[in-house]
């Protein structure tokens, strides 16, 4: 994104007048050092989790997934 037009374009995105295409959104994510999925989080806590998860190894991501699966199963068991 050309620096001379970046401010105006970002203003349009922030005000909801325009939506960046996926390529532009990826470039913004790279500049902000966040994963692309960050922009699709519905709350701040999920966004923080996504950013933290993006920084860990695949092996540790698998461990986190296993822990989350256990938590979901426990929560479902408690509901029944």
N, C-alpha and C. Protein backbone atom coordinates (compact mmCIF):
# COMPACT_ATOMS: atom_id res chain seq x y z
N UNK A 1 0.86 -1.17 0.00
CA UNK A 1 0.00 0.00 0.00
C UNK A 1 0.90 1.24 0.00
N UNK A 2 0.65 2.12 -0.90
CA UNK A 2 1.42 3.35 -1.00
C UNK A 2 1.17 4.20 0.24
N UNK A 3 2.25 4.68 0.85
CA UNK A 3 2.12 5.45 2.09
C UNK A 3 1.26 6.70 1.92
N UNK A 4 1.30 7.31 0.75
CA UNK A 4 0.53 8.54 0.54
C UNK A 4 -0.98 8.29 0.55
N UNK A 5 -1.40 7.07 0.22
CA UNK A 5 -2.84 6.78 0.22
C UNK A 5 -3.27 5.91 1.40
N UNK A 6 -2.31 5.41 2.16
CA UNK A 6 -2.62 4.45 3.24
C UNK A 6 -3.56 5.04 4.27
N UNK A 7 -3.32 6.24 4.71
CA UNK A 7 -4.14 6.85 5.76
C UNK A 7 -5.59 6.97 5.32
N UNK A 8 -5.81 7.44 4.14
CA UNK A 8 -7.17 7.58 3.63
C UNK A 8 -7.88 6.25 3.48
N UNK A 9 -7.15 5.26 2.95
CA UNK A 9 -7.74 3.93 2.78
C UNK A 9 -8.08 3.31 4.13
N UNK A 10 -7.15 3.42 5.07
CA UNK A 10 -7.40 2.86 6.40
C UNK A 10 -8.60 3.54 7.04
N UNK A 11 -8.75 4.83 6.84
CA UNK A 11 -9.89 5.56 7.38
C UNK A 11 -11.20 4.99 6.83
N UNK A 12 -11.23 4.69 5.54
CA UNK A 12 -12.44 4.10 4.94
C UNK A 12 -12.72 2.72 5.52
N UNK A 13 -11.67 1.93 5.76
CA UNK A 13 -11.85 0.60 6.35
C UNK A 13 -12.39 0.72 7.78
N UNK A 14 -11.79 1.62 8.55
CA UNK A 14 -12.19 1.78 9.95
C UNK A 14 -13.62 2.27 10.08
N UNK A 15 -14.06 3.10 9.17
CA UNK A 15 -15.43 3.63 9.23
C UNK A 15 -16.45 2.72 8.57
N UNK A 16 -15.98 1.62 8.00
CA UNK A 16 -16.89 0.66 7.39
C UNK A 16 -17.39 1.04 6.02
N UNK A 17 -16.79 2.03 5.41
CA UNK A 17 -17.21 2.43 4.06
C UNK A 17 -16.74 1.44 3.01
N UNK A 18 -15.58 0.84 3.25
CA UNK A 18 -15.01 -0.14 2.34
C UNK A 18 -14.46 -1.29 3.17
N UNK A 19 -14.34 -2.44 2.53
CA UNK A 19 -13.75 -3.61 3.17
C UNK A 19 -12.54 -4.02 2.35
N UNK A 20 -11.41 -4.22 3.02
CA UNK A 20 -10.22 -4.61 2.24
C UNK A 20 -10.39 -6.02 1.68
N UNK A 21 -9.81 -6.25 0.51
CA UNK A 21 -9.81 -7.61 -0.04
C UNK A 21 -8.84 -8.46 0.79
N UNK A 22 -8.88 -9.75 0.62
CA UNK A 22 -8.10 -10.66 1.44
C UNK A 22 -6.60 -10.42 1.29
N UNK A 23 -6.16 -10.06 0.09
CA UNK A 23 -4.74 -9.78 -0.14
C UNK A 23 -4.30 -8.56 0.68
N UNK A 24 -5.10 -7.52 0.65
CA UNK A 24 -4.79 -6.31 1.43
C UNK A 24 -4.85 -6.60 2.91
N UNK A 25 -5.83 -7.36 3.33
CA UNK A 25 -5.96 -7.71 4.74
C UNK A 25 -4.75 -8.51 5.22
N UNK A 26 -4.24 -9.40 4.38
CA UNK A 26 -3.04 -10.18 4.73
C UNK A 26 -1.84 -9.27 4.87
N UNK A 27 -1.72 -8.30 3.99
CA UNK A 27 -0.60 -7.35 4.08
C UNK A 27 -0.69 -6.51 5.35
N UNK A 28 -1.90 -6.12 5.73
CA UNK A 28 -2.08 -5.36 6.98
C UNK A 28 -1.71 -6.24 8.16
N UNK A 29 -2.15 -7.48 8.15
CA UNK A 29 -1.83 -8.42 9.24
C UNK A 29 -0.32 -8.59 9.37
N UNK A 30 0.35 -8.74 8.24
CA UNK A 30 1.80 -8.89 8.27
C UNK A 30 2.47 -7.65 8.86
N UNK A 31 2.00 -6.49 8.49
CA UNK A 31 2.56 -5.23 9.03
C UNK A 31 2.34 -5.12 10.54
N UNK A 32 1.17 -5.57 11.00
CA UNK A 32 0.84 -5.49 12.43
C UNK A 32 1.37 -6.68 13.22
N UNK A 33 1.98 -7.64 12.52
CA UNK A 33 2.52 -8.86 13.13
C UNK A 33 1.44 -9.64 13.88
N UNK A 34 0.30 -9.79 13.21
CA UNK A 34 -0.79 -10.61 13.74
C UNK A 34 -1.20 -11.59 12.65
N UNK A 35 -1.78 -12.73 13.03
CA UNK A 35 -2.25 -13.66 12.00
C UNK A 35 -3.49 -13.09 11.30
N UNK A 36 -3.70 -13.51 10.09
CA UNK A 36 -4.86 -13.06 9.33
C UNK A 36 -6.16 -13.33 10.08
N UNK A 37 -6.22 -14.47 10.76
CA UNK A 37 -7.45 -14.84 11.48
C UNK A 37 -7.80 -13.85 12.60
N UNK A 38 -6.84 -13.06 13.05
CA UNK A 38 -7.07 -12.03 14.07
C UNK A 38 -8.24 -11.12 13.69
N UNK A 39 -8.33 -10.79 12.42
CA UNK A 39 -9.36 -9.85 11.97
C UNK A 39 -10.77 -10.44 11.98
N UNK A 40 -10.86 -11.74 12.16
CA UNK A 40 -12.16 -12.40 12.13
C UNK A 40 -12.64 -12.84 13.51
N UNK A 41 -11.88 -12.47 14.55
CA UNK A 41 -12.27 -12.80 15.93
C UNK A 41 -13.43 -11.91 16.35
N UNK A 42 -14.34 -12.50 17.11
CA UNK A 42 -15.53 -11.76 17.52
C UNK A 42 -15.39 -11.06 18.87
N UNK A 43 -14.29 -11.34 19.58
CA UNK A 43 -14.07 -10.67 20.86
C UNK A 43 -12.58 -10.55 21.13
N UNK A 44 -12.23 -9.67 22.06
CA UNK A 44 -10.82 -9.40 22.36
C UNK A 44 -10.09 -10.61 22.92
N UNK A 45 -10.74 -11.39 23.77
CA UNK A 45 -10.08 -12.54 24.37
C UNK A 45 -9.70 -13.56 23.29
N UNK A 46 -10.60 -13.83 22.37
CA UNK A 46 -10.30 -14.76 21.28
C UNK A 46 -9.16 -14.22 20.43
N UNK A 47 -9.16 -12.93 20.17
CA UNK A 47 -8.08 -12.31 19.38
C UNK A 47 -6.74 -12.48 20.09
N UNK A 48 -6.71 -12.30 21.40
CA UNK A 48 -5.46 -12.48 22.16
C UNK A 48 -5.00 -13.93 22.11
N UNK A 49 -5.94 -14.86 22.21
CA UNK A 49 -5.60 -16.28 22.14
C UNK A 49 -5.02 -16.60 20.76
N UNK A 50 -5.65 -16.10 19.71
CA UNK A 50 -5.18 -16.34 18.34
C UNK A 50 -3.77 -15.78 18.15
N UNK A 51 -3.51 -14.60 18.66
CA UNK A 51 -2.17 -14.01 18.51
C UNK A 51 -1.13 -14.82 19.27
N UNK A 52 -1.46 -15.26 20.48
CA UNK A 52 -0.52 -16.07 21.25
C UNK A 52 -0.28 -17.41 20.57
N UNK A 53 -1.33 -18.03 20.11
CA UNK A 53 -1.23 -19.34 19.47
C UNK A 53 -0.38 -19.27 18.19
N UNK A 54 -0.45 -18.16 17.51
CA UNK A 54 0.31 -17.98 16.28
C UNK A 54 1.82 -18.00 16.53
N UNK A 55 2.22 -17.71 17.76
CA UNK A 55 3.65 -17.60 18.10
C UNK A 55 4.26 -18.92 18.56
N UNK A 56 3.46 -19.96 18.79
CA UNK A 56 4.00 -21.21 19.30
C UNK A 56 4.22 -22.23 18.18
N UNK A 57 5.02 -23.23 18.49
CA UNK A 57 5.34 -24.27 17.50
C UNK A 57 4.11 -25.12 17.20
N UNK A 58 4.17 -25.84 16.10
CA UNK A 58 3.07 -26.74 15.74
C UNK A 58 2.86 -27.81 16.81
N UNK A 59 3.95 -28.29 17.39
CA UNK A 59 3.83 -29.30 18.45
C UNK A 59 3.05 -28.75 19.64
N UNK A 60 3.34 -27.52 20.01
CA UNK A 60 2.61 -26.92 21.13
C UNK A 60 1.18 -26.56 20.74
N UNK A 61 0.95 -26.23 19.48
CA UNK A 61 -0.42 -26.00 19.02
C UNK A 61 -1.25 -27.27 19.18
N UNK A 62 -0.63 -28.41 18.87
CA UNK A 62 -1.32 -29.69 19.04
C UNK A 62 -1.66 -29.94 20.50
N UNK A 63 -0.75 -29.60 21.39
CA UNK A 63 -1.00 -29.76 22.83
C UNK A 63 -2.17 -28.87 23.27
N UNK A 64 -2.17 -27.64 22.79
CA UNK A 64 -3.26 -26.72 23.13
C UNK A 64 -4.59 -27.26 22.61
N UNK A 65 -4.59 -27.77 21.40
CA UNK A 65 -5.80 -28.33 20.83
C UNK A 65 -6.31 -29.50 21.66
N UNK A 66 -5.41 -30.36 22.10
CA UNK A 66 -5.81 -31.49 22.95
C UNK A 66 -6.41 -31.00 24.27
N UNK A 67 -5.78 -30.00 24.88
CA UNK A 67 -6.30 -29.45 26.13
C UNK A 67 -7.68 -28.83 25.93
N UNK A 68 -7.84 -28.08 24.84
CA UNK A 68 -9.14 -27.47 24.56
C UNK A 68 -10.21 -28.52 24.30
N UNK A 69 -9.85 -29.56 23.60
CA UNK A 69 -10.80 -30.65 23.34
C UNK A 69 -11.28 -31.27 24.64
N UNK A 70 -10.35 -31.48 25.57
CA UNK A 70 -10.71 -32.03 26.88
C UNK A 70 -11.64 -31.07 27.63
N UNK A 71 -11.35 -29.79 27.56
CA UNK A 71 -12.19 -28.80 28.24
C UNK A 71 -13.60 -28.79 27.66
N UNK A 72 -13.70 -28.85 26.33
CA UNK A 72 -15.01 -28.88 25.68
C UNK A 72 -15.78 -30.12 26.09
N UNK A 73 -15.10 -31.26 26.10
CA UNK A 73 -15.75 -32.51 26.52
C UNK A 73 -16.23 -32.42 27.96
N UNK A 74 -15.40 -31.84 28.84
CA UNK A 74 -15.80 -31.68 30.25
C UNK A 74 -17.00 -30.76 30.38
N UNK A 75 -16.98 -29.65 29.65
CA UNK A 75 -18.10 -28.71 29.70
C UNK A 75 -19.38 -29.38 29.20
N UNK A 76 -19.26 -30.16 28.13
CA UNK A 76 -20.43 -30.86 27.59
C UNK A 76 -20.95 -31.91 28.58
N UNK A 77 -20.05 -32.58 29.27
CA UNK A 77 -20.43 -33.58 30.26
C UNK A 77 -21.18 -32.94 31.44
N UNK A 78 -20.72 -31.77 31.84
CA UNK A 78 -21.35 -31.07 32.96
C UNK A 78 -22.75 -30.58 32.61
N UNK A 79 -22.98 -30.28 31.33
CA UNK A 79 -24.29 -29.80 30.89
C UNK A 79 -25.32 -30.92 30.89
N UNK A 80 -24.84 -32.16 30.70
CA UNK A 80 -25.78 -33.30 30.61
C UNK A 80 -26.03 -33.90 31.92
